[in-house]
Amino acid sequence: KATEIAIRDSRFDAVRRRLLLAEKNALNDALRKRILSEEV
């Protein structure tokens, strides 16, 4: 129940969105620097 409430809470949504954007930025940066391949 608590996890469901937390997931639906808009404040947790904002945190999740920031974390996902941080992950996406890290992957794009690694792709630009040719650290990781596009297939991955």
Full PDB file with SEQRES, HELIX, SHEET, SSBOND, CRYST1, ORIGX, SCALE, CONECT and MASTER records, all heavy atoms in Angstrom:
SEQRES   1 A   40  LYS ALA THR GLU ILE ALA ILE ARG ASP SER ARG PHE ASP          
SEQRES   2 A   40  ALA VAL ARG ARG ARG LEU LEU LEU ALA GLU LYS ASN ALA          
SEQRES   3 A   40  LEU ASN ASP ALA LEU ARG LYS ARG ILE LEU SER GLU GLU          
SEQRES   4 A   40  VAL                                                          
HELIX    1 AA1 ALA A    2  ARG A    8  1                                   7    
HELIX    2 AA2 SER A   10  ARG A   32  1                                  23    
CRYST1    1.000    1.000    1.000  90.00  90.00  90.00 P 1           1          
ORIGX1      1.000000  0.000000  0.000000        0.00000                         
ORIGX2      0.000000  1.000000  0.000000        0.00000                         
ORIGX3      0.000000  0.000000  1.000000        0.00000                         
SCALE1      1.000000  0.000000  0.000000        0.00000                         
SCALE2      0.000000  1.000000  0.000000        0.00000                         
SCALE3      0.000000  0.000000  1.000000        0.00000                         
ATOM      1  N   LYS A   1       0.826  -1.210   0.000  1.00  0.00           N  
ATOM      2  CA  LYS A   1       0.000   0.000   0.000  1.00  0.00           C  
ATOM      3  C   LYS A   1       0.859   1.259   0.000  1.00  0.00           C  
ATOM      4  O   LYS A   1       0.607   2.205  -0.752  1.00  0.00           O  
ATOM      5  CB  LYS A   1      -0.910  -0.007   1.222  1.00  0.00           C  
ATOM      6  CG  LYS A   1      -1.908   1.153   1.229  1.00  0.00           C  
ATOM      7  CD  LYS A   1      -2.852   1.013   2.398  1.00  0.00           C  
ATOM      8  CE  LYS A   1      -3.849   2.181   2.404  1.00  0.00           C  
ATOM      9  NZ  LYS A   1      -4.791   2.097   3.533  1.00  0.00           N  
ATOM     10  N   ALA A   2       1.891   1.267   0.842  1.00  0.00           N  
ATOM     11  CA  ALA A   2       2.730   2.455   0.925  1.00  0.00           C  
ATOM     12  C   ALA A   2       3.492   2.696  -0.365  1.00  0.00           C  
ATOM     13  O   ALA A   2       3.646   3.828  -0.813  1.00  0.00           O  
ATOM     14  CB  ALA A   2       3.717   2.304   2.094  1.00  0.00           C  
ATOM     15  N   THR A   3       3.980   1.614  -0.974  1.00  0.00           N  
ATOM     16  CA  THR A   3       4.706   1.766  -2.232  1.00  0.00           C  
ATOM     17  C   THR A   3       3.793   2.314  -3.318  1.00  0.00           C  
ATOM     18  O   THR A   3       4.178   3.168  -4.108  1.00  0.00           O  
ATOM     19  CB  THR A   3       5.292   0.411  -2.672  1.00  0.00           C  
ATOM     20  OG1 THR A   3       6.125  -0.085  -1.637  1.00  0.00           O  
ATOM     21  CG2 THR A   3       6.107   0.581  -3.948  1.00  0.00           C  
ATOM     22  N   GLU A   4       2.556   1.823  -3.325  1.00  0.00           N  
ATOM     23  CA  GLU A   4       1.599   2.305  -4.326  1.00  0.00           C  
ATOM     24  C   GLU A   4       1.334   3.796  -4.127  1.00  0.00           C  
ATOM     25  O   GLU A   4       1.282   4.570  -5.077  1.00  0.00           O  
ATOM     26  CB  GLU A   4       0.293   1.521  -4.216  1.00  0.00           C  
ATOM     27  CG  GLU A   4      -0.736   1.922  -5.257  1.00  0.00           C  
ATOM     28  CD  GLU A   4      -2.036   1.140  -5.107  1.00  0.00           C  
ATOM     29  OE1 GLU A   4      -2.085   0.233  -4.258  1.00  0.00           O  
ATOM     30  OE2 GLU A   4      -2.980   1.445  -5.836  1.00  0.00           O  
ATOM     31  N   ILE A   5       1.183   4.221  -2.858  1.00  0.00           N  
ATOM     32  CA  ILE A   5       0.952   5.634  -2.577  1.00  0.00           C  
ATOM     33  C   ILE A   5       2.154   6.456  -3.017  1.00  0.00           C  
ATOM     34  O   ILE A   5       2.017   7.509  -3.644  1.00  0.00           O  
ATOM     35  CB  ILE A   5       0.681   5.848  -1.077  1.00  0.00           C  
ATOM     36  CG1 ILE A   5      -0.645   5.202  -0.688  1.00  0.00           C  
ATOM     37  CG2 ILE A   5       0.679   7.329  -0.727  1.00  0.00           C  
ATOM     38  CD1 ILE A   5      -0.907   5.202   0.801  1.00  0.00           C  
ATOM     39  N   ALA A   6       3.341   5.951  -2.713  1.00  0.00           N  
ATOM     40  CA  ALA A   6       4.549   6.685  -3.067  1.00  0.00           C  
ATOM     41  C   ALA A   6       4.707   6.825  -4.565  1.00  0.00           C  
ATOM     42  O   ALA A   6       5.095   7.866  -5.077  1.00  0.00           O  
ATOM     43  CB  ALA A   6       5.782   5.981  -2.471  1.00  0.00           C  
ATOM     44  N   ILE A   7       4.389   5.755  -5.294  1.00  0.00           N  
ATOM     45  CA  ILE A   7       4.533   5.784  -6.748  1.00  0.00           C  
ATOM     46  C   ILE A   7       3.571   6.779  -7.368  1.00  0.00           C  
ATOM     47  O   ILE A   7       3.883   7.471  -8.329  1.00  0.00           O  
ATOM     48  CB  ILE A   7       4.322   4.382  -7.331  1.00  0.00           C  
ATOM     49  CG1 ILE A   7       5.504   3.476  -6.937  1.00  0.00           C  
ATOM     50  CG2 ILE A   7       4.177   4.413  -8.840  1.00  0.00           C  
ATOM     51  CD1 ILE A   7       5.331   2.035  -7.347  1.00  0.00           C  
ATOM     52  N   ARG A   8       2.355   6.870  -6.784  1.00  0.00           N  
ATOM     53  CA  ARG A   8       1.351   7.769  -7.351  1.00  0.00           C  
ATOM     54  C   ARG A   8       1.560   9.211  -6.936  1.00  0.00           C  
ATOM     55  O   ARG A   8       0.981  10.115  -7.529  1.00  0.00           O  
ATOM     56  CB  ARG A   8      -0.055   7.315  -6.922  1.00  0.00           C  
ATOM     57  CG  ARG A   8      -0.471   6.003  -7.561  1.00  0.00           C  
ATOM     58  CD  ARG A   8      -1.873   5.627  -7.123  1.00  0.00           C  
ATOM     59  NE  ARG A   8      -2.294   4.373  -7.735  1.00  0.00           N  
ATOM     60  CZ  ARG A   8      -3.461   3.801  -7.491  1.00  0.00           C  
ATOM     61  NH1 ARG A   8      -4.320   4.357  -6.665  1.00  0.00           N  
ATOM     62  NH2 ARG A   8      -3.773   2.661  -8.074  1.00  0.00           N  
ATOM     63  N   ASP A   9       2.338   9.429  -5.894  1.00  0.00           N  
ATOM     64  CA  ASP A   9       2.532  10.783  -5.403  1.00  0.00           C  
ATOM     65  C   ASP A   9       3.294  11.599  -6.444  1.00  0.00           C  
ATOM     66  O   ASP A   9       4.336  11.186  -6.928  1.00  0.00           O  
ATOM     67  CB  ASP A   9       3.326  10.737  -4.085  1.00  0.00           C  
ATOM     68  CG  ASP A   9       3.260  12.048  -3.349  1.00  0.00           C  
ATOM     69  OD1 ASP A   9       3.515  13.089  -3.984  1.00  0.00           O  
ATOM     70  OD2 ASP A   9       2.959  12.026  -2.149  1.00  0.00           O  
ATOM     71  N   SER A  10       2.795  12.789  -6.767  1.00  0.00           N  
ATOM     72  CA  SER A  10       3.408  13.607  -7.813  1.00  0.00           C  
ATOM     73  C   SER A  10       4.828  14.018  -7.443  1.00  0.00           C  
ATOM     74  O   SER A  10       5.674  14.205  -8.319  1.00  0.00           O  
ATOM     75  CB  SER A  10       2.561  14.853  -8.066  1.00  0.00           C  
ATOM     76  OG  SER A  10       2.452  15.623  -6.880  1.00  0.00           O  
ATOM     77  N   ARG A  11       5.107  14.156  -6.147  1.00  0.00           N  
ATOM     78  CA  ARG A  11       6.459  14.536  -5.753  1.00  0.00           C  
ATOM     79  C   ARG A  11       7.435  13.419  -6.060  1.00  0.00           C  
ATOM     80  O   ARG A  11       8.564  13.652  -6.486  1.00  0.00           O  
ATOM     81  CB  ARG A  11       6.493  14.882  -4.266  1.00  0.00           C  
ATOM     82  CG  ARG A  11       5.777  16.175  -3.927  1.00  0.00           C  
ATOM     83  CD  ARG A  11       5.412  16.224  -2.480  1.00  0.00           C  
ATOM     84  NE  ARG A  11       4.528  15.120  -2.130  1.00  0.00           N  
ATOM     85  CZ  ARG A  11       4.049  14.926  -0.918  1.00  0.00           C  
ATOM     86  NH1 ARG A  11       4.363  15.741   0.046  1.00  0.00           N  
ATOM     87  NH2 ARG A  11       3.249  13.924  -0.670  1.00  0.00           N  
ATOM     88  N   PHE A  12       7.023  12.155  -5.849  1.00  0.00           N  
ATOM     89  CA  PHE A  12       7.879  11.043  -6.212  1.00  0.00           C  
ATOM     90  C   PHE A  12       8.013  10.953  -7.727  1.00  0.00           C  
ATOM     91  O   PHE A  12       9.058  10.567  -8.238  1.00  0.00           O  
ATOM     92  CB  PHE A  12       7.328   9.734  -5.639  1.00  0.00           C  
ATOM     93  CG  PHE A  12       7.579   9.574  -4.164  1.00  0.00           C  
ATOM     94  CD1 PHE A  12       6.671  10.009  -3.229  1.00  0.00           C  
ATOM     95  CD2 PHE A  12       8.756   8.999  -3.718  1.00  0.00           C  
ATOM     96  CE1 PHE A  12       6.904   9.863  -1.870  1.00  0.00           C  
ATOM     97  CE2 PHE A  12       9.007   8.852  -2.357  1.00  0.00           C  
ATOM     98  CZ  PHE A  12       8.083   9.284  -1.431  1.00  0.00           C  
ATOM     99  N   ASP A  13       6.950  11.309  -8.444  1.00  0.00           N  
ATOM    100  CA  ASP A  13       7.032  11.332  -9.903  1.00  0.00           C  
ATOM    101  C   ASP A  13       8.102  12.309 -10.354  1.00  0.00           C  
ATOM    102  O   ASP A  13       8.850  12.036 -11.301  1.00  0.00           O  
ATOM    103  CB  ASP A  13       5.680  11.733 -10.506  1.00  0.00           C  
ATOM    104  CG  ASP A  13       4.674  10.589 -10.454  1.00  0.00           C  
ATOM    105  OD1 ASP A  13       5.105   9.438 -10.240  1.00  0.00           O  
ATOM    106  OD2 ASP A  13       3.471  10.840 -10.617  1.00  0.00           O  
ATOM    107  N   ALA A  14       8.168  13.463  -9.708  1.00  0.00           N  
ATOM    108  CA  ALA A  14       9.179  14.450 -10.076  1.00  0.00           C  
ATOM    109  C   ALA A  14      10.584  13.910  -9.826  1.00  0.00           C  
ATOM    110  O   ALA A  14      11.496  14.110 -10.641  1.00  0.00           O  
ATOM    111  CB  ALA A  14       8.959  15.739  -9.282  1.00  0.00           C  
ATOM    112  N   VAL A  15      10.768  13.194  -8.703  1.00  0.00           N  
ATOM    113  CA  VAL A  15      12.076  12.595  -8.412  1.00  0.00           C  
ATOM    114  C   VAL A  15      12.414  11.533  -9.447  1.00  0.00           C  
ATOM    115  O   VAL A  15      13.543  11.485  -9.973  1.00  0.00           O  
ATOM    116  CB  VAL A  15      12.079  11.996  -6.992  1.00  0.00           C  
ATOM    117  CG1 VAL A  15      13.358  11.215  -6.748  1.00  0.00           C  
ATOM    118  CG2 VAL A  15      11.923  13.098  -5.952  1.00  0.00           C  
ATOM    119  N   ARG A  16      11.446  10.662  -9.756  1.00  0.00           N  
ATOM    120  CA  ARG A  16      11.690   9.606 -10.745  1.00  0.00           C  
ATOM    121  C   ARG A  16      12.043  10.204 -12.100  1.00  0.00           C  
ATOM    122  O   ARG A  16      12.923   9.718 -12.802  1.00  0.00           O  
ATOM    123  CB  ARG A  16      10.440   8.727 -10.875  1.00  0.00           C  
ATOM    124  CG  ARG A  16      10.184   7.847  -9.654  1.00  0.00           C  
ATOM    125  CD  ARG A  16       8.784   7.280  -9.671  1.00  0.00           C  
ATOM    126  NE  ARG A  16       8.543   6.483 -10.857  1.00  0.00           N  
ATOM    127  CZ  ARG A  16       7.349   6.294 -11.389  1.00  0.00           C  
ATOM    128  NH1 ARG A  16       6.294   6.873 -10.863  1.00  0.00           N  
ATOM    129  NH2 ARG A  16       7.208   5.539 -12.453  1.00  0.00           N  
ATOM    130  N   ARG A  17      11.348  11.292 -12.456  1.00  0.00           N  
ATOM    131  CA  ARG A  17      11.630  11.921 -13.746  1.00  0.00           C  
ATOM    132  C   ARG A  17      13.050  12.478 -13.789  1.00  0.00           C  
ATOM    133  O   ARG A  17      13.765  12.322 -14.787  1.00  0.00           O  
ATOM    134  CB  ARG A  17      10.623  13.059 -13.986  1.00  0.00           C  
ATOM    135  CG  ARG A  17      10.692  13.641 -15.389  1.00  0.00           C  
ATOM    136  CD  ARG A  17       9.550  14.643 -15.605  1.00  0.00           C  
ATOM    137  NE  ARG A  17       9.497  15.082 -16.980  1.00  0.00           N  
ATOM    138  CZ  ARG A  17      10.233  16.076 -17.472  1.00  0.00           C  
ATOM    139  NH1 ARG A  17      11.055  16.726 -16.669  1.00  0.00           N  
ATOM    140  NH2 ARG A  17      10.141  16.421 -18.744  1.00  0.00           N  
ATOM    141  N   ARG A  18      13.478  13.125 -12.704  1.00  0.00           N  
ATOM    142  CA  ARG A  18      14.846  13.664 -12.665  1.00  0.00           C  
ATOM    143  C   ARG A  18      15.887  12.551 -12.743  1.00  0.00           C  
ATOM    144  O   ARG A  18      16.915  12.689 -13.427  1.00  0.00           O  
ATOM    145  CB  ARG A  18      15.045  14.478 -11.386  1.00  0.00           C  
ATOM    146  CG  ARG A  18      14.294  15.797 -11.380  1.00  0.00           C  
ATOM    147  CD  ARG A  18      14.586  16.608 -10.141  1.00  0.00           C  
ATOM    148  NE  ARG A  18      15.990  16.973 -10.030  1.00  0.00           N  
ATOM    149  CZ  ARG A  18      16.480  17.770  -9.087  1.00  0.00           C  
ATOM    150  NH1 ARG A  18      15.662  18.273  -8.172  1.00  0.00           N  
ATOM    151  NH2 ARG A  18      17.752  18.058  -9.042  1.00  0.00           N  
ATOM    152  N   LEU A  19      15.627  11.439 -12.069  1.00  0.00           N  
ATOM    153  CA  LEU A  19      16.580  10.324 -12.113  1.00  0.00           C  
ATOM    154  C   LEU A  19      16.656   9.714 -13.509  1.00  0.00           C  
ATOM    155  O   LEU A  19      17.743   9.401 -14.005  1.00  0.00           O  
ATOM    156  CB  LEU A  19      16.173   9.260 -11.088  1.00  0.00           C  
ATOM    157  CG  LEU A  19      16.248   9.684  -9.611  1.00  0.00           C  
ATOM    158  CD1 LEU A  19      15.737   8.572  -8.711  1.00  0.00           C  
ATOM    159  CD2 LEU A  19      17.677  10.055  -9.230  1.00  0.00           C  
ATOM    160  N   LEU A  20      15.504   9.536 -14.137  1.00  0.00           N  
ATOM    161  CA  LEU A  20      15.485   8.979 -15.494  1.00  0.00           C  
ATOM    162  C   LEU A  20      16.180   9.912 -16.478  1.00  0.00           C  
ATOM    163  O   LEU A  20      16.910   9.455 -17.375  1.00  0.00           O  
ATOM    164  CB  LEU A  20      14.048   8.708 -15.937  1.00  0.00           C  
ATOM    165  CG  LEU A  20      13.340   7.546 -15.228  1.00  0.00           C  
ATOM    166  CD1 LEU A  20      11.852   7.545 -15.556  1.00  0.00           C  
ATOM    167  CD2 LEU A  20      13.964   6.205 -15.630  1.00  0.00           C  
ATOM    168  N   LEU A  21      15.961  11.222 -16.338  1.00  0.00           N  
ATOM    169  CA  LEU A  21      16.644  12.174 -17.216  1.00  0.00           C  
ATOM    170  C   LEU A  21      18.150  12.155 -16.985  1.00  0.00           C  
ATOM    171  O   LEU A  21      18.926  12.319 -17.935  1.00  0.00           O  
ATOM    172  CB  LEU A  21      16.090  13.584 -16.973  1.00  0.00           C  
ATOM    173  CG  LEU A  21      14.674  13.851 -17.496  1.00  0.00           C  
ATOM    174  CD1 LEU A  21      14.191  15.224 -17.052  1.00  0.00           C  
ATOM    175  CD2 LEU A  21      14.627  13.735 -19.018  1.00  0.00           C  
ATOM    176  N   ALA A  22      18.563  11.958 -15.718  1.00  0.00           N  
ATOM    177  CA  ALA A  22      20.000  11.842 -15.434  1.00  0.00           C  
ATOM    178  C   ALA A  22      20.588  10.605 -16.109  1.00  0.00           C  
ATOM    179  O   ALA A  22      21.687  10.652 -16.685  1.00  0.00           O  
ATOM    180  CB  ALA A  22      20.220  11.786 -13.921  1.00  0.00           C  
ATOM    181  N   GLU A  23      19.845   9.486 -16.064  1.00  0.00           N  
ATOM    182  CA  GLU A  23      20.304   8.269 -16.741  1.00  0.00           C  
ATOM    183  C   GLU A  23      20.401   8.502 -18.254  1.00  0.00           C  
ATOM    184  O   GLU A  23      21.390   8.097 -18.895  1.00  0.00           O  
ATOM    185  CB  GLU A  23      19.332   7.117 -16.471  1.00  0.00           C  
ATOM    186  CG  GLU A  23      19.326   6.626 -15.033  1.00  0.00           C  
ATOM    187  CD  GLU A  23      18.380   5.454 -14.846  1.00  0.00           C  
ATOM    188  OE1 GLU A  23      18.213   4.679 -15.802  1.00  0.00           O  
ATOM    189  OE2 GLU A  23      17.806   5.312 -13.751  1.00  0.00           O  
ATOM    190  N   LYS A  24      19.382   9.143 -18.813  1.00  0.00           N  
ATOM    191  CA  LYS A  24      19.376   9.393 -20.253  1.00  0.00           C  
ATOM    192  C   LYS A  24      20.522  10.309 -20.660  1.00  0.00           C  
ATOM    193  O   LYS A  24      21.182  10.088 -21.693  1.00  0.00           O  
ATOM    194  CB  LYS A  24      18.032  10.018 -20.648  1.00  0.00           C  
ATOM    195  CG  LYS A  24      17.849  10.184 -22.146  1.00  0.00           C  
ATOM    196  CD  LYS A  24      16.448  10.668 -22.473  1.00  0.00           C  
ATOM    197  CE  LYS A  24      16.281  10.803 -23.992  1.00  0.00           C  
ATOM    198  NZ  LYS A  24      14.915  11.227 -24.350  1.00  0.00           N  
ATOM    199  N   ASN A  25      20.791  11.330 -19.855  1.00  0.00           N  
ATOM    200  CA  ASN A  25      21.887  12.249 -20.150  1.00  0.00           C  
ATOM    201  C   ASN A  25      23.237  11.528 -20.111  1.00  0.00           C  
ATOM    202  O   ASN A  25      24.117  11.774 -20.954  1.00  0.00           O  
ATOM    203  CB  ASN A  25      21.871  13.407 -19.150  1.00  0.00           C  
ATOM    204  CG  ASN A  25      22.947  14.423 -19.444  1.00  0.00           C  
ATOM    205  OD1 ASN A  25      22.961  15.049 -20.508  1.00  0.00           O  
ATOM    206  ND2 ASN A  25      23.860  14.613 -18.508  1.00  0.00           N  
ATOM    207  N   ALA A  26      23.401  10.614 -19.138  1.00  0.00           N  
ATOM    208  CA  ALA A  26      24.651   9.863 -19.035  1.00  0.00           C  
ATOM    209  C   ALA A  26      24.857   8.967 -20.265  1.00  0.00           C  
ATOM    210  O   ALA A  26      25.976   8.867 -20.799  1.00  0.00           O  
ATOM    211  CB  ALA A  26      24.653   9.024 -17.766  1.00  0.00           C  
ATOM    212  N   LEU A  27      23.788   8.318 -20.716  1.00  0.00           N  
ATOM    213  CA  LEU A  27      23.903   7.458 -21.901  1.00  0.00           C  
ATOM    214  C   LEU A  27      24.213   8.274 -23.150  1.00  0.00           C  
ATOM    215  O   LEU A  27      25.057   7.875 -23.976  1.00  0.00           O  
ATOM    216  CB  LEU A  27      22.608   6.665 -22.093  1.00  0.00           C  
ATOM    217  CG  LEU A  27      22.372   5.507 -21.116  1.00  0.00           C  
ATOM    218  CD1 LEU A  27      20.975   4.932 -21.309  1.00  0.00           C  
ATOM    219  CD2 LEU A  27      23.420   4.421 -21.309  1.00  0.00           C  
ATOM    220  N   ASN A  28      23.528   9.397 -23.325  1.00  0.00           N  
ATOM    221  CA  ASN A  28      23.802  10.239 -24.494  1.00  0.00           C  
ATOM    222  C   ASN A  28      25.226  10.774 -24.480  1.00  0.00           C  
ATOM    223  O   ASN A  28      25.883  10.869 -25.521  1.00  0.00           O  
ATOM    224  CB  ASN A  28      22.808  11.406 -24.536  1.00  0.00           C  
ATOM    225  CG  ASN A  28      21.447  10.993 -25.063  1.00  0.00           C  
ATOM    226  OD1 ASN A  28      21.356  10.175 -25.974  1.00  0.00           O  
ATOM    227  ND2 ASN A  28      20.399  11.545 -24.489  1.00  0.00           N  
ATOM    228  N   ASP A  29      25.704  11.126 -23.287  1.00  0.00           N  
ATOM    229  CA  ASP A  29      27.074  11.617 -23.164  1.00  0.00           C  
ATOM    230  C   ASP A  29      28.074  10.524 -23.517  1.00  0.00           C  
ATOM    231  O   ASP A  29      29.070  10.774 -24.215  1.00  0.00           O  
ATOM    232  CB  ASP A  29      27.306  12.116 -21.732  1.00  0.00           C  
ATOM    233  CG  ASP A  29      28.626  12.849 -21.593  1.00  0.00           C  
ATOM    234  OD1 ASP A  29      28.860  13.783 -22.384  1.00  0.00           O  
ATOM    235  OD2 ASP A  29      29.410  12.490 -20.692  1.00  0.00           O  
ATOM    236  N   ALA A  30      27.814   9.301 -23.046  1.00  0.00           N  
ATOM    237  CA  ALA A  30      28.697   8.178 -23.380  1.00  0.00           C  
ATOM    238  C   ALA A  30      28.671   7.872 -24.873  1.00  0.00           C  
ATOM    239  O   ALA A  30      29.696   7.503 -25.466  1.00  0.00           O  
ATOM    240  CB  ALA A  30      28.280   6.938 -22.590  1.00  0.00           C  
ATOM    241  N   LEU A  31      27.512   8.047 -25.501  1.00  0.00           N  
ATOM    242  CA  LEU A  31      27.408   7.812 -26.940  1.00  0.00           C  
ATOM    243  C   LEU A  31      28.182   8.866 -27.723  1.00  0.00           C  
ATOM    244  O   LEU A  31      28.882   8.548 -28.697  1.00  0.00           O  
ATOM    245  CB  LEU A  31      25.935   7.826 -27.350  1.00  0.00           C  
ATOM    246  CG  LEU A  31      25.622   7.493 -28.808  1.00  0.00           C  
ATOM    247  CD1 LEU A  31      26.076   6.083 -29.157  1.00  0.00           C  
ATOM    248  CD2 LEU A  31      24.125   7.640 -29.071  1.00  0.00           C  
ATOM    249  N   ARG A  32      28.083  10.133 -27.305  1.00  0.00           N  
ATOM    250  CA  ARG A  32      28.819  11.200 -27.987  1.00  0.00           C  
ATOM    251  C   ARG A  32      30.327  11.017 -27.879  1.00  0.00           C  
ATOM    252  O   ARG A  32      31.076  11.305 -28.812  1.00  0.00           O  
ATOM    253  CB  ARG A  32      28.423  12.562 -27.405  1.00  0.00           C  
ATOM    254  CG  ARG A  32      27.075  13.089 -27.878  1.00  0.00           C  
ATOM    255  CD  ARG A  32      26.916  14.555 -27.520  1.00  0.00           C  
ATOM    256  NE  ARG A  32      26.980  14.748 -26.081  1.00  0.00           N  
ATOM    257  CZ  ARG A  32      25.929  14.732 -25.282  1.00  0.00           C  
ATOM    258  NH1 ARG A  32      24.734  14.495 -25.782  1.00  0.00           N  
ATOM    259  NH2 ARG A  32      26.060  14.915 -23.988  1.00  0.00           N  
ATOM    260  N   LYS A  33      30.768  10.530 -26.696  1.00  0.00           N  
ATOM    261  CA  LYS A  33      32.207  10.340 -26.471  1.00  0.00           C  
ATOM    262  C   LYS A  33      32.717   9.006 -27.001  1.00  0.00           C  
ATOM    263  O   LYS A  33      33.888   8.670 -26.814  1.00  0.00           O  
ATOM    264  CB  LYS A  33      32.501  10.435 -24.963  1.00  0.00           C  
ATOM    265  CG  LYS A  33      32.251  11.825 -24.391  1.00  0.00           C  
ATOM    266  CD  LYS A  33      32.498  11.843 -22.894  1.00  0.00           C  
ATOM    267  CE  LYS A  33      32.260  13.233 -22.322  1.00  0.00           C  
ATOM    268  NZ  LYS A  33      32.452  13.278 -20.842  1.00  0.00           N  
ATOM    269  N   ARG A  34      31.809   8.239 -27.636  1.00  0.00           N  
ATOM    270  CA  ARG A  34      32.163   6.933 -28.212  1.00  0.00           C  
ATOM    271  C   ARG A  34      32.636   5.939 -27.155  1.00  0.00           C  
ATOM    272  O   ARG A  34      33.417   5.022 -27.432  1.00  0.00           O  
ATOM    273  CB  ARG A  34      33.264   7.087 -29.277  1.00  0.00           C  
ATOM    274  CG  ARG A  34      32.856   7.968 -30.447  1.00  0.00           C  
ATOM    275  CD  ARG A  34      31.865   7.276 -31.334  1.00  0.00           C  
ATOM    276  NE  ARG A  34      31.583   8.036 -32.535  1.00  0.00           N  
ATOM    277  CZ  ARG A  34      30.533   8.801 -32.718  1.00  0.00           C  
ATOM    278  NH1 ARG A  34      29.630   8.899 -31.751  1.00  0.00           N  
ATOM    279  NH2 ARG A  34      30.354   9.466 -33.833  1.00  0.00           N  
ATOM    280  N   ILE A  35      32.149   6.123 -25.915  1.00  0.00           N  
ATOM    281  CA  ILE A  35      32.475   5.165 -24.855  1.00  0.00           C  
ATOM    282  C   ILE A  35      31.629   3.913 -25.014  1.00  0.00           C  
ATOM    283  O   ILE A  35      32.092   2.794 -24.810  1.00  0.00           O  
ATOM    284  CB  ILE A  35      32.248   5.807 -23.471  1.00  0.00           C  
ATOM    285  CG1 ILE A  35      33.194   7.000 -23.289  1.00  0.00           C  
ATOM    286  CG2 ILE A  35      32.455   4.791 -22.361  1.00  0.00           C  
ATOM    287  CD1 ILE A  35      32.946   7.787 -22.023  1.00  0.00           C  
ATOM    288  N   LEU A  36      30.344   4.098 -25.367  1.00  0.00           N  
ATOM    289  CA  LEU A  36      29.431   2.988 -25.605  1.00  0.00           C  
ATOM    290  C   LEU A  36      28.984   3.003 -27.065  1.00  0.00           C  
ATOM    291  O   LEU A  36      28.928   4.058 -27.698  1.00  0.00           O  
ATOM    292  CB  LEU A  36      28.207   3.093 -24.690  1.00  0.00           C  
ATOM    293  CG  LEU A  36      28.467   3.030 -23.179  1.00  0.00           C  
ATOM    294  CD1 LEU A  36      27.171   3.259 -22.411  1.00  0.00           C  
ATOM    295  CD2 LEU A  36      29.078   1.687 -22.787  1.00  0.00           C  
ATOM    296  N   SER A  37      28.659   1.826 -27.567  1.00  0.00           N  
ATOM    297  CA  SER A  37      28.216   1.727 -28.964  1.00  0.00           C  
ATOM    298  C   SER A  37      26.731   2.043 -29.071  1.00  0.00           C  
ATOM    299  O   SER A  37      25.979   1.926 -28.105  1.00  0.00           O  
ATOM    300  CB  SER A  37      28.476   0.325 -29.500  1.00  0.00           C  
ATOM    301  OG  SER A  37      27.693  -0.628 -28.799  1.00  0.00           O  
ATOM    302  N   GLU A  38      26.304   2.432 -30.268  1.00  0.00           N  
ATOM    303  CA  GLU A  38      24.909   2.773 -30.501  1.00  0.00           C  
ATOM    304  C   GLU A  38      24.008   1.566 -30.320  1.00  0.00           C  
ATOM    305  O   GLU A  38      22.869   1.702 -29.865  1.00  0.00           O  
ATOM    306  CB  GLU A  38      24.752   3.348 -31.912  1.00  0.00           C  
ATOM    307  CG  GLU A  38      23.384   3.943 -32.159  1.00  0.00           C  
ATOM    308  CD  GLU A  38      23.359   4.797 -33.410  1.00  0.00           C  
ATOM    309  OE1 GLU A  38      24.435   5.221 -33.857  1.00  0.00           O  
ATOM    310  OE2 GLU A  38      22.253   5.024 -33.922  1.00  0.00           O  
ATOM    311  N   GLU A  39      24.498   0.363 -30.658  1.00  0.00           N  
ATOM    312  CA  GLU A  39      23.689  -0.848 -30.510  1.00  0.00           C  
ATOM    313  C   GLU A  39      23.320  -1.108 -29.054  1.00  0.00           C  
ATOM    314  O   GLU A  39      22.251  -1.637 -28.754  1.00  0.00           O  
ATOM    315  CB  GLU A  39      24.440  -2.067 -31.059  1.00  0.00           C  
ATOM    316  CG  GLU A  39      24.596  -2.073 -32.574  1.00  0.00           C  
ATOM    317  CD  GLU A  39      25.704  -1.155 -33.041  1.00  0.00           C  
ATOM    318  OE1 GLU A  39      26.484  -0.673 -32.184  1.00  0.00           O  
ATOM    319  OE2 GLU A  39      25.786  -0.907 -34.255  1.00  0.00           O  
ATOM    320  N   VAL A  40      24.196  -0.716 -28.145  1.00  0.00           N  
ATOM    321  CA  VAL A  40      23.929  -0.912 -26.718  1.00  0.00           C  
ATOM    322  C   VAL A  40      23.068   0.227 -26.162  1.00  0.00           C  
ATOM    323  O   VAL A  40      22.158  -0.002 -25.357  1.00  0.00           O  
ATOM    324  CB  VAL A  40      25.260  -1.013 -25.938  1.00  0.00           C  
ATOM    325  CG1 VAL A  40      25.004  -1.032 -24.433  1.00  0.00           C  
ATOM    326  CG2 VAL A  40      26.028  -2.254 -26.361  1.00  0.00           C  
TER     327      VAL A  40                                                      
MASTER        0    0    0    2    0    0    0    6  326    1    0    4          
END                                                                             
